[in-house]
Amino acid sequence: MSEPAASDEMIPLGEPGGGKAIASGSSLSIWLWRIGLVAVLLLIWEFSAGRLYNEFWSSRPSLIGERFLALVAGGEIWRHLGATVSEALLGLLLGAIAGTPIGIALAKYRRAAEIVDPFVMGLYGLPRVALAPMFILWFGISLLAKVMMSFSMVVFVFILNVTEGIRTVDPDMVDLMRTMRAPKSYILRKVTIPSIVPWLLASLRIGVGLSLVGAVVGELIGANRGLGWYVLRAGGQLDTTGVFTGLLVLMLVAMIANQIIFLIERQVLHWRPATK
């Protein structure tokens, strides 16, 4: 008997192509579930408003969609969106730039870390929302006030995550490098920094939402543009459709930013099974 000829289209089990096909199918299934869940929730919301309760309290998805399209067509949304995104992005970048070296220093100098740890945690526990009026007093209603508000929300996330990330570096790997007489700068580049990359990306994912919160809180206290200011103005006019439209845009911004960080994480940490 002759053995059956192998087809070129067949993908052997365990080959990279088969893994990619499975991953692609799983990703498609997840997106379909997400779309289905959103559609069901929107339909429930649409038909409940005006029937089970007064639509004044929550508006309708159809009205929110119309308002959103009107803002996009009129160009007003871009002015508010640009202000909020720039404030949040600058605060996030400053938090990463300042928090990362501080976290590295605290991990390296254990004695100093033990001394300042209660103060760091005390500052981290302060309700920055309550400090928003002080930021406006110190920096005015300019861009800087909102940036510093966002910065204060995210910097401690980077400090704590980077510190913990360095402390979890494999000591055997460090000892191996030292026995090979590797300089400290080489160990930092080849061992320490690669080990904290997952912690940095996790800090970015957490910081996206916190930086947006900081920017919006600053706009609620004192601003003349931004999504937070738009939501505040709509709420003052009892315009629930406007309030939910502003919240919808904020949610979309957070989701898009989180997806961008996820794609970066998948490229940078492609060697990790969880990110493939």
C-alpha atoms as a PDB file:
ATOM      1  CA  MET A   1       0.000   0.000   0.000  1.00  0.00           C
ATOM      2  CA  SER A   2       1.233   3.414  -0.865  1.00  0.00           C
ATOM      3  CA  GLU A   3       1.227   6.062   1.842  1.00  0.00           C
ATOM      4  CA  PRO A   4      -1.078   8.999   1.297  1.00  0.00           C
ATOM      5  CA  ALA A   5       0.648  12.034  -0.092  1.00  0.00           C
ATOM      6  CA  ALA A   6       0.964  14.915   2.334  1.00  0.00           C
ATOM      7  CA  SER A   7      -0.981  17.980   1.292  1.00  0.00           C
ATOM      8  CA  ASP A   8       0.795  21.315   1.172  1.00  0.00           C
ATOM      9  CA  GLU A   9      -2.219  22.896   2.841  1.00  0.00           C
ATOM     10  CA  MET A  10      -2.032  20.676   5.880  1.00  0.00           C
ATOM     11  CA  ILE A  11      -0.497  22.339   8.932  1.00  0.00           C
ATOM     12  CA  PRO A  12       1.188  19.875  11.301  1.00  0.00           C
ATOM     13  CA  LEU A  13       0.255  20.098  14.926  1.00  0.00           C
ATOM     14  CA  GLY A  14       2.694  22.190  16.882  1.00  0.00           C
ATOM     15  CA  GLU A  15       3.982  24.139  13.891  1.00  0.00           C
ATOM     16  CA  PRO A  16       4.065  27.958  14.135  1.00  0.00           C
ATOM     17  CA  GLY A  17       1.411  28.276  11.423  1.00  0.00           C
ATOM     18  CA  GLY A  18      -1.017  26.141  13.390  1.00  0.00           C
ATOM     19  CA  GLY A  19      -0.424  28.200  16.528  1.00  0.00           C
ATOM     20  CA  LYS A  20      -1.045  31.428  14.617  1.00  0.00           C
ATOM     21  CA  ALA A  21      -4.276  30.037  13.150  1.00  0.00           C
ATOM     22  CA  ILE A  22      -5.520  29.026  16.586  1.00  0.00           C
ATOM     23  CA  ALA A  23      -4.553  32.392  18.051  1.00  0.00           C
ATOM     24  CA  SER A  24      -6.276  34.221  15.189  1.00  0.00           C
ATOM     25  CA  GLY A  25      -9.462  32.211  15.674  1.00  0.00           C
ATOM     26  CA  SER A  26      -9.401  32.825  19.421  1.00  0.00           C
ATOM     27  CA  SER A  27      -8.894  36.575  18.910  1.00  0.00           C
ATOM     28  CA  LEU A  28     -11.799  36.714  16.448  1.00  0.00           C
ATOM     29  CA  SER A  29     -14.022  34.844  18.886  1.00  0.00           C
ATOM     30  CA  ILE A  30     -13.138  37.280  21.679  1.00  0.00           C
ATOM     31  CA  TRP A  31     -13.957  40.286  19.475  1.00  0.00           C
ATOM     32  CA  LEU A  32     -17.278  38.744  18.452  1.00  0.00           C
ATOM     33  CA  TRP A  33     -18.171  38.202  22.106  1.00  0.00           C
ATOM     34  CA  ARG A  34     -17.233  41.776  22.915  1.00  0.00           C
ATOM     35  CA  ILE A  35     -19.326  43.182  20.086  1.00  0.00           C
ATOM     36  CA  GLY A  36     -22.237  40.970  21.057  1.00  0.00           C
ATOM     37  CA  LEU A  37     -22.037  42.023  24.709  1.00  0.00           C
ATOM     38  CA  VAL A  38     -21.961  45.722  23.805  1.00  0.00           C
ATOM     39  CA  ALA A  39     -24.879  45.294  21.382  1.00  0.00           C
ATOM     40  CA  VAL A  40     -27.003  43.528  24.002  1.00  0.00           C
ATOM     41  CA  LEU A  41     -26.278  46.155  26.666  1.00  0.00           C
ATOM     42  CA  LEU A  42     -27.047  49.011  24.260  1.00  0.00           C
ATOM     43  CA  LEU A  43     -30.331  47.390  23.197  1.00  0.00           C
ATOM     44  CA  ILE A  44     -31.388  46.923  26.823  1.00  0.00           C
ATOM     45  CA  TRP A  45     -30.478  50.538  27.561  1.00  0.00           C
ATOM     46  CA  GLU A  46     -32.282  51.859  24.460  1.00  0.00           C
ATOM     47  CA  PHE A  47     -35.556  50.058  25.116  1.00  0.00           C
ATOM     48  CA  SER A  48     -35.492  50.592  28.893  1.00  0.00           C
ATOM     49  CA  ALA A  49     -35.144  54.372  28.679  1.00  0.00           C
ATOM     50  CA  GLY A  50     -38.587  55.934  28.417  1.00  0.00           C
ATOM     51  CA  ARG A  51     -40.328  52.658  29.289  1.00  0.00           C
ATOM     52  CA  LEU A  52     -38.926  51.480  32.613  1.00  0.00           C
ATOM     53  CA  TYR A  53     -37.698  54.906  33.719  1.00  0.00           C
ATOM     54  CA  ASN A  54     -37.518  58.491  32.536  1.00  0.00           C
ATOM     55  CA  GLU A  55     -34.859  58.885  29.845  1.00  0.00           C
ATOM     56  CA  PHE A  56     -33.897  62.220  31.398  1.00  0.00           C
ATOM     57  CA  TRP A  57     -31.785  60.304  33.931  1.00  0.00           C
ATOM     58  CA  SER A  58     -29.616  58.415  31.456  1.00  0.00           C
ATOM     59  CA  SER A  59     -30.563  59.560  27.940  1.00  0.00           C
ATOM     60  CA  ARG A  60     -30.535  56.948  25.139  1.00  0.00           C
ATOM     61  CA  PRO A  61     -27.719  55.367  23.132  1.00  0.00           C
ATOM     62  CA  SER A  62     -29.358  56.676  19.934  1.00  0.00           C
ATOM     63  CA  LEU A  63     -29.354  60.258  21.250  1.00  0.00           C
ATOM     64  CA  ILE A  64     -25.777  59.907  22.476  1.00  0.00           C
ATOM     65  CA  GLY A  65     -24.733  58.622  19.066  1.00  0.00           C
ATOM     66  CA  GLU A  66     -26.425  61.555  17.335  1.00  0.00           C
ATOM     67  CA  ARG A  67     -24.720  64.039  19.651  1.00  0.00           C
ATOM     68  CA  PHE A  68     -21.359  62.380  19.113  1.00  0.00           C
ATOM     69  CA  LEU A  69     -21.706  62.537  15.324  1.00  0.00           C
ATOM     70  CA  ALA A  70     -22.790  66.172  15.553  1.00  0.00           C
ATOM     71  CA  LEU A  71     -19.725  67.049  17.633  1.00  0.00           C
ATOM     72  CA  VAL A  72     -17.446  65.248  15.190  1.00  0.00           C
ATOM     73  CA  ALA A  73     -19.064  66.916  12.179  1.00  0.00           C
ATOM     74  CA  GLY A  74     -18.896  70.360  13.800  1.00  0.00           C
ATOM     75  CA  GLY A  75     -15.284  69.881  14.886  1.00  0.00           C
ATOM     76  CA  GLU A  76     -15.930  70.838  18.522  1.00  0.00           C
ATOM     77  CA  ILE A  77     -14.994  67.410  19.825  1.00  0.00           C
ATOM     78  CA  TRP A  78     -11.432  67.692  18.499  1.00  0.00           C
ATOM     79  CA  ARG A  79     -10.725  70.810  20.538  1.00  0.00           C
ATOM     80  CA  HIS A  80     -11.811  69.143  23.782  1.00  0.00           C
ATOM     81  CA  LEU A  81     -10.263  65.793  22.886  1.00  0.00           C
ATOM     82  CA  GLY A  82      -6.917  67.334  21.978  1.00  0.00           C
ATOM     83  CA  ALA A  83      -6.741  69.232  25.271  1.00  0.00           C
ATOM     84  CA  THR A  84      -7.533  66.230  27.476  1.00  0.00           C
ATOM     85  CA  VAL A  85      -5.313  63.775  25.591  1.00  0.00           C
ATOM     86  CA  SER A  86      -2.335  66.158  25.592  1.00  0.00           C
ATOM     87  CA  GLU A  87      -2.705  66.765  29.346  1.00  0.00           C
ATOM     88  CA  ALA A  88      -2.997  63.048  30.131  1.00  0.00           C
ATOM     89  CA  LEU A  89      -0.183  62.038  27.781  1.00  0.00           C
ATOM     90  CA  LEU A  90       2.272  64.611  29.129  1.00  0.00           C
ATOM     91  CA  GLY A  91       1.415  63.655  32.706  1.00  0.00           C
ATOM     92  CA  LEU A  92       1.896  59.969  31.897  1.00  0.00           C
ATOM     93  CA  LEU A  93       5.266  60.546  30.211  1.00  0.00           C
ATOM     94  CA  LEU A  94       6.517  62.762  33.039  1.00  0.00           C
ATOM     95  CA  GLY A  95       5.386  60.152  35.566  1.00  0.00           C
ATOM     96  CA  ALA A  96       7.328  57.451  33.712  1.00  0.00           C
ATOM     97  CA  ILE A  97      10.437  59.630  33.300  1.00  0.00           C
ATOM     98  CA  ALA A  98      10.501  60.657  36.974  1.00  0.00           C
ATOM     99  CA  GLY A  99       9.154  57.474  38.569  1.00  0.00           C
ATOM    100  CA  THR A 100      11.431  54.963  36.815  1.00  0.00           C
ATOM    101  CA  PRO A 101      14.814  56.291  38.055  1.00  0.00           C
ATOM    102  CA  ILE A 102      13.389  56.868  41.530  1.00  0.00           C
ATOM    103  CA  GLY A 103      12.183  53.264  41.618  1.00  0.00           C
ATOM    104  CA  ILE A 104      15.598  52.022  40.442  1.00  0.00           C
ATOM    105  CA  ALA A 105      17.315  54.078  43.158  1.00  0.00           C
ATOM    106  CA  LEU A 106      15.007  52.805  45.899  1.00  0.00           C
ATOM    107  CA  ALA A 107      15.592  49.207  44.805  1.00  0.00           C
ATOM    108  CA  LYS A 108      19.356  49.675  44.727  1.00  0.00           C
ATOM    109  CA  TYR A 109      19.711  51.489  48.039  1.00  0.00           C
ATOM    110  CA  ARG A 110      17.696  49.326  50.422  1.00  0.00           C
ATOM    111  CA  ARG A 111      18.571  51.371  53.504  1.00  0.00           C
ATOM    112  CA  ALA A 112      17.349  54.586  51.926  1.00  0.00           C
ATOM    113  CA  ALA A 113      14.212  52.789  50.732  1.00  0.00           C
ATOM    114  CA  GLU A 114      13.412  51.646  54.280  1.00  0.00           C
ATOM    115  CA  ILE A 115      13.781  55.225  55.502  1.00  0.00           C
ATOM    116  CA  VAL A 116      11.569  56.899  52.899  1.00  0.00           C
ATOM    117  CA  ASP A 117       9.053  54.066  52.386  1.00  0.00           C
ATOM    118  CA  PRO A 118       6.505  55.381  54.960  1.00  0.00           C
ATOM    119  CA  PHE A 119       6.648  58.830  53.378  1.00  0.00           C
ATOM    120  CA  VAL A 120       6.254  57.459  49.852  1.00  0.00           C
ATOM    121  CA  MET A 121       3.244  55.402  50.884  1.00  0.00           C
ATOM    122  CA  GLY A 122       1.820  58.360  52.785  1.00  0.00           C
ATOM    123  CA  LEU A 123       2.070  60.582  49.712  1.00  0.00           C
ATOM    124  CA  TYR A 124       0.682  57.786  47.552  1.00  0.00           C
ATOM    125  CA  GLY A 125      -2.323  57.516  49.861  1.00  0.00           C
ATOM    126  CA  LEU A 126      -3.132  61.213  49.663  1.00  0.00           C
ATOM    127  CA  PRO A 127      -6.356  61.876  47.736  1.00  0.00           C
ATOM    128  CA  ARG A 128      -4.980  63.874  44.824  1.00  0.00           C
ATOM    129  CA  VAL A 129      -8.528  64.737  43.829  1.00  0.00           C
ATOM    130  CA  ALA A 130      -8.789  66.743  47.043  1.00  0.00           C
ATOM    131  CA  LEU A 131      -5.538  68.496  46.132  1.00  0.00           C
ATOM    132  CA  ALA A 132      -6.873  69.620  42.749  1.00  0.00           C
ATOM    133  CA  PRO A 133      -7.783  73.130  43.999  1.00  0.00           C
ATOM    134  CA  MET A 134      -4.197  73.533  45.217  1.00  0.00           C
ATOM    135  CA  PHE A 135      -2.840  72.583  41.800  1.00  0.00           C
ATOM    136  CA  ILE A 136      -5.063  75.248  40.264  1.00  0.00           C
ATOM    137  CA  LEU A 137      -3.844  77.749  42.889  1.00  0.00           C
ATOM    138  CA  TRP A 138      -0.187  76.895  42.245  1.00  0.00           C
ATOM    139  CA  PHE A 139      -0.248  76.546  38.466  1.00  0.00           C
ATOM    140  CA  GLY A 140      -3.392  78.422  37.419  1.00  0.00           C
ATOM    141  CA  ILE A 141      -5.862  77.038  34.879  1.00  0.00           C
ATOM    142  CA  SER A 142      -3.169  76.540  32.265  1.00  0.00           C
ATOM    143  CA  LEU A 143      -2.055  73.280  30.701  1.00  0.00           C
ATOM    144  CA  LEU A 144       0.602  72.843  33.402  1.00  0.00           C
ATOM    145  CA  ALA A 145      -1.972  72.463  36.188  1.00  0.00           C
ATOM    146  CA  LYS A 146      -3.687  69.522  34.488  1.00  0.00           C
ATOM    147  CA  VAL A 147      -0.378  67.947  33.497  1.00  0.00           C
ATOM    148  CA  MET A 148       0.863  68.078  37.077  1.00  0.00           C
ATOM    149  CA  MET A 149      -2.428  66.641  38.280  1.00  0.00           C
ATOM    150  CA  SER A 150      -2.012  63.690  35.908  1.00  0.00           C
ATOM    151  CA  PHE A 151       1.641  63.391  36.897  1.00  0.00           C
ATOM    152  CA  SER A 152       0.756  63.125  40.587  1.00  0.00           C
ATOM    153  CA  MET A 153      -1.695  60.326  39.799  1.00  0.00           C
ATOM    154  CA  VAL A 154       0.774  58.091  37.942  1.00  0.00           C
ATOM    155  CA  VAL A 155       4.271  58.775  39.278  1.00  0.00           C
ATOM    156  CA  PHE A 156       3.823  56.577  42.362  1.00  0.00           C
ATOM    157  CA  VAL A 157       2.605  53.688  40.222  1.00  0.00           C
ATOM    158  CA  PHE A 158       5.910  53.738  38.345  1.00  0.00           C
ATOM    159  CA  ILE A 159       7.955  54.129  41.521  1.00  0.00           C
ATOM    160  CA  LEU A 160       6.351  51.165  43.269  1.00  0.00           C
ATOM    161  CA  ASN A 161       6.229  48.881  40.226  1.00  0.00           C
ATOM    162  CA  VAL A 162       9.813  49.548  39.144  1.00  0.00           C
ATOM    163  CA  THR A 163      11.081  49.052  42.680  1.00  0.00           C
ATOM    164  CA  GLU A 164       9.281  45.725  42.988  1.00  0.00           C
ATOM    165  CA  GLY A 165      10.363  44.693  39.487  1.00  0.00           C
ATOM    166  CA  ILE A 166      14.054  45.185  40.252  1.00  0.00           C
ATOM    167  CA  ARG A 167      13.730  43.333  43.534  1.00  0.00           C
ATOM    168  CA  THR A 168      12.420  40.306  41.634  1.00  0.00           C
ATOM    169  CA  VAL A 169      15.452  40.183  39.303  1.00  0.00           C
ATOM    170  CA  ASP A 170      17.029  36.719  39.374  1.00  0.00           C
ATOM    171  CA  PRO A 171      20.014  37.041  41.757  1.00  0.00           C
ATOM    172  CA  ASP A 172      21.694  34.017  40.176  1.00  0.00           C
ATOM    173  CA  MET A 173      21.786  35.848  36.847  1.00  0.00           C
ATOM    174  CA  VAL A 174      23.356  38.884  38.506  1.00  0.00           C
ATOM    175  CA  ASP A 175      25.927  36.699  40.293  1.00  0.00           C
ATOM    176  CA  LEU A 176      26.764  34.983  36.993  1.00  0.00           C
ATOM    177  CA  MET A 177      27.402  38.342  35.354  1.00  0.00           C
ATOM    178  CA  ARG A 178      29.593  39.416  38.255  1.00  0.00           C
ATOM    179  CA  THR A 179      31.666  36.252  38.103  1.00  0.00           C
ATOM    180  CA  MET A 180      32.268  37.066  34.430  1.00  0.00           C
ATOM    181  CA  ARG A 181      33.461  40.502  35.587  1.00  0.00           C
ATOM    182  CA  ALA A 182      30.688  42.323  33.779  1.00  0.00           C
ATOM    183  CA  PRO A 183      30.565  46.039  34.676  1.00  0.00           C
ATOM    184  CA  LYS A 184      27.566  47.423  36.516  1.00  0.00           C
ATOM    185  CA  SER A 185      26.435  49.352  33.460  1.00  0.00           C
ATOM    186  CA  TYR A 186      26.379  46.128  31.429  1.00  0.00           C
ATOM    187  CA  ILE A 187      24.369  44.308  34.122  1.00  0.00           C
ATOM    188  CA  LEU A 188      21.946  47.227  34.196  1.00  0.00           C
ATOM    189  CA  ARG A 189      21.446  47.148  30.404  1.00  0.00           C
ATOM    190  CA  LYS A 190      21.343  43.383  29.914  1.00  0.00           C
ATOM    191  CA  VAL A 191      19.708  42.089  33.109  1.00  0.00           C
ATOM    192  CA  THR A 192      18.041  44.782  35.201  1.00  0.00           C
ATOM    193  CA  ILE A 193      16.271  46.846  32.543  1.00  0.00           C
ATOM    194  CA  PRO A 194      14.936  43.837  30.549  1.00  0.00           C
ATOM    195  CA  SER A 195      13.594  42.431  33.820  1.00  0.00           C
ATOM    196  CA  ILE A 196      11.592  45.565  34.614  1.00  0.00           C
ATOM    197  CA  VAL A 197      10.136  46.038  31.120  1.00  0.00           C
ATOM    198  CA  PRO A 198       6.983  43.990  31.984  1.00  0.00           C
ATOM    199  CA  TRP A 199       6.553  46.095  35.119  1.00  0.00           C
ATOM    200  CA  LEU A 200       6.936  49.303  33.107  1.00  0.00           C
ATOM    201  CA  LEU A 201       4.318  48.185  30.597  1.00  0.00           C
ATOM    202  CA  ALA A 202       1.980  47.228  33.439  1.00  0.00           C
ATOM    203  CA  SER A 203       2.527  50.687  34.924  1.00  0.00           C
ATOM    204  CA  LEU A 204       1.660  52.252  31.574  1.00  0.00           C
ATOM    205  CA  ARG A 205      -1.589  50.279  31.349  1.00  0.00           C
ATOM    206  CA  ILE A 206      -2.568  51.351  34.853  1.00  0.00           C
ATOM    207  CA  GLY A 207      -1.322  54.883  34.314  1.00  0.00           C
ATOM    208  CA  VAL A 208      -3.427  55.476  31.193  1.00  0.00           C
ATOM    209  CA  GLY A 209      -6.643  55.482  33.187  1.00  0.00           C
ATOM    210  CA  LEU A 210      -5.148  57.385  36.116  1.00  0.00           C
ATOM    211  CA  SER A 211      -3.673  60.086  33.887  1.00  0.00           C
ATOM    212  CA  LEU A 212      -7.054  60.592  32.215  1.00  0.00           C
ATOM    213  CA  VAL A 213      -8.670  60.855  35.642  1.00  0.00           C
ATOM    214  CA  GLY A 214      -6.099  63.454  36.678  1.00  0.00           C
ATOM    215  CA  ALA A 215      -6.633  65.510  33.530  1.00  0.00           C
ATOM    216  CA  VAL A 216     -10.423  65.398  33.845  1.00  0.00           C
ATOM    217  CA  VAL A 217     -10.351  66.311  37.540  1.00  0.00           C
ATOM    218  CA  GLY A 218      -8.146  69.290  36.752  1.00  0.00           C
ATOM    219  CA  GLU A 219     -10.576  70.364  34.035  1.00  0.00           C
ATOM    220  CA  LEU A 220     -13.513  70.015  36.409  1.00  0.00           C
ATOM    221  CA  ILE A 221     -11.867  72.425  38.843  1.00  0.00           C
ATOM    222  CA  GLY A 222     -10.672  75.041  36.381  1.00  0.00           C
ATOM    223  CA  ALA A 223     -10.510  74.981  32.597  1.00  0.00           C
ATOM    224  CA  ASN A 224     -12.091  76.453  29.491  1.00  0.00           C
ATOM    225  CA  ARG A 225     -11.781  73.381  27.283  1.00  0.00           C
ATOM    226  CA  GLY A 226     -11.350  69.618  27.530  1.00  0.00           C
ATOM    227  CA  LEU A 227     -13.651  66.637  27.926  1.00  0.00           C
ATOM    228  CA  GLY A 228     -13.900  67.180  31.675  1.00  0.00           C
ATOM    229  CA  TRP A 229     -14.982  70.773  31.100  1.00  0.00           C
ATOM    230  CA  TYR A 230     -17.495  69.600  28.478  1.00  0.00           C
ATOM    231  CA  VAL A 231     -19.000  67.056  30.902  1.00  0.00           C
ATOM    232  CA  LEU A 232     -19.158  69.681  33.657  1.00  0.00           C
ATOM    233  CA  ARG A 233     -20.896  72.196  31.380  1.00  0.00           C
ATOM    234  CA  ALA A 234     -23.381  69.593  30.161  1.00  0.00           C
ATOM    235  CA  GLY A 235     -24.134  68.549  33.741  1.00  0.00           C
ATOM    236  CA  GLY A 236     -24.710  72.173  34.736  1.00  0.00           C
ATOM    237  CA  GLN A 237     -27.266  72.458  31.922  1.00  0.00           C
ATOM    238  CA  LEU A 238     -28.945  69.166  32.980  1.00  0.00           C
ATOM    239  CA  ASP A 239     -27.937  67.782  29.595  1.00  0.00           C
ATOM    240  CA  THR A 240     -27.566  64.076  30.344  1.00  0.00           C
ATOM    241  CA  THR A 241     -26.985  63.322  26.671  1.00  0.00           C
ATOM    242  CA  GLY A 242     -23.979  65.639  26.673  1.00  0.00           C
ATOM    243  CA  VAL A 243     -22.652  64.132  29.901  1.00  0.00           C
ATOM    244  CA  PHE A 244     -22.811  60.585  28.561  1.00  0.00           C
ATOM    245  CA  THR A 245     -21.334  61.692  25.233  1.00  0.00           C
ATOM    246  CA  GLY A 246     -18.298  63.128  27.005  1.00  0.00           C
ATOM    247  CA  LEU A 247     -17.965  59.976  29.117  1.00  0.00           C
ATOM    248  CA  LEU A 248     -18.245  57.848  25.977  1.00  0.00           C
ATOM    249  CA  VAL A 249     -15.365  59.711  24.331  1.00  0.00           C
ATOM    250  CA  LEU A 250     -13.250  59.337  27.476  1.00  0.00           C
ATOM    251  CA  MET A 251     -13.955  55.614  27.545  1.00  0.00           C
ATOM    252  CA  LEU A 252     -13.023  55.255  23.870  1.00  0.00           C
ATOM    253  CA  VAL A 253      -9.751  57.120  24.454  1.00  0.00           C
ATOM    254  CA  ALA A 254      -8.852  54.826  27.365  1.00  0.00           C
ATOM    255  CA  MET A 255      -9.724  51.704  25.367  1.00  0.00           C
ATOM    256  CA  ILE A 256      -7.684  52.792  22.334  1.00  0.00           C
ATOM    257  CA  ALA A 257      -4.687  53.741  24.484  1.00  0.00           C
ATOM    258  CA  ASN A 258      -4.866  50.428  26.324  1.00  0.00           C
ATOM    259  CA  GLN A 259      -4.994  48.536  23.018  1.00  0.00           C
ATOM    260  CA  ILE A 260      -1.936  50.430  21.750  1.00  0.00           C
ATOM    261  CA  ILE A 261       0.001  49.490  24.879  1.00  0.00           C
ATOM    262  CA  PHE A 262      -1.143  45.882  24.467  1.00  0.00           C
ATOM    263  CA  LEU A 263       0.230  45.819  20.902  1.00  0.00           C
ATOM    264  CA  ILE A 264       3.525  47.301  22.099  1.00  0.00           C
ATOM    265  CA  GLU A 265       3.665  44.725  24.867  1.00  0.00           C
ATOM    266  CA  ARG A 266       3.083  41.903  22.397  1.00  0.00           C
ATOM    267  CA  GLN A 267       5.965  43.135  20.237  1.00  0.00           C
ATOM    268  CA  VAL A 268       8.401  43.851  23.065  1.00  0.00           C
ATOM    269  CA  LEU A 269       7.584  40.730  25.103  1.00  0.00           C
ATOM    270  CA  HIS A 270       7.049  38.361  22.189  1.00  0.00           C
ATOM    271  CA  TRP A 271       9.139  35.734  23.999  1.00  0.00           C
ATOM    272  CA  ARG A 272       6.523  35.391  26.744  1.00  0.00           C
ATOM    273  CA  PRO A 273       3.872  32.698  26.094  1.00  0.00           C
ATOM    274  CA  ALA A 274       1.104  34.903  27.504  1.00  0.00           C
ATOM    275  CA  THR A 275       1.760  37.629  24.924  1.00  0.00           C
ATOM    276  CA  LYS A 276       1.940  35.476  21.817  1.00  0.00           C
END
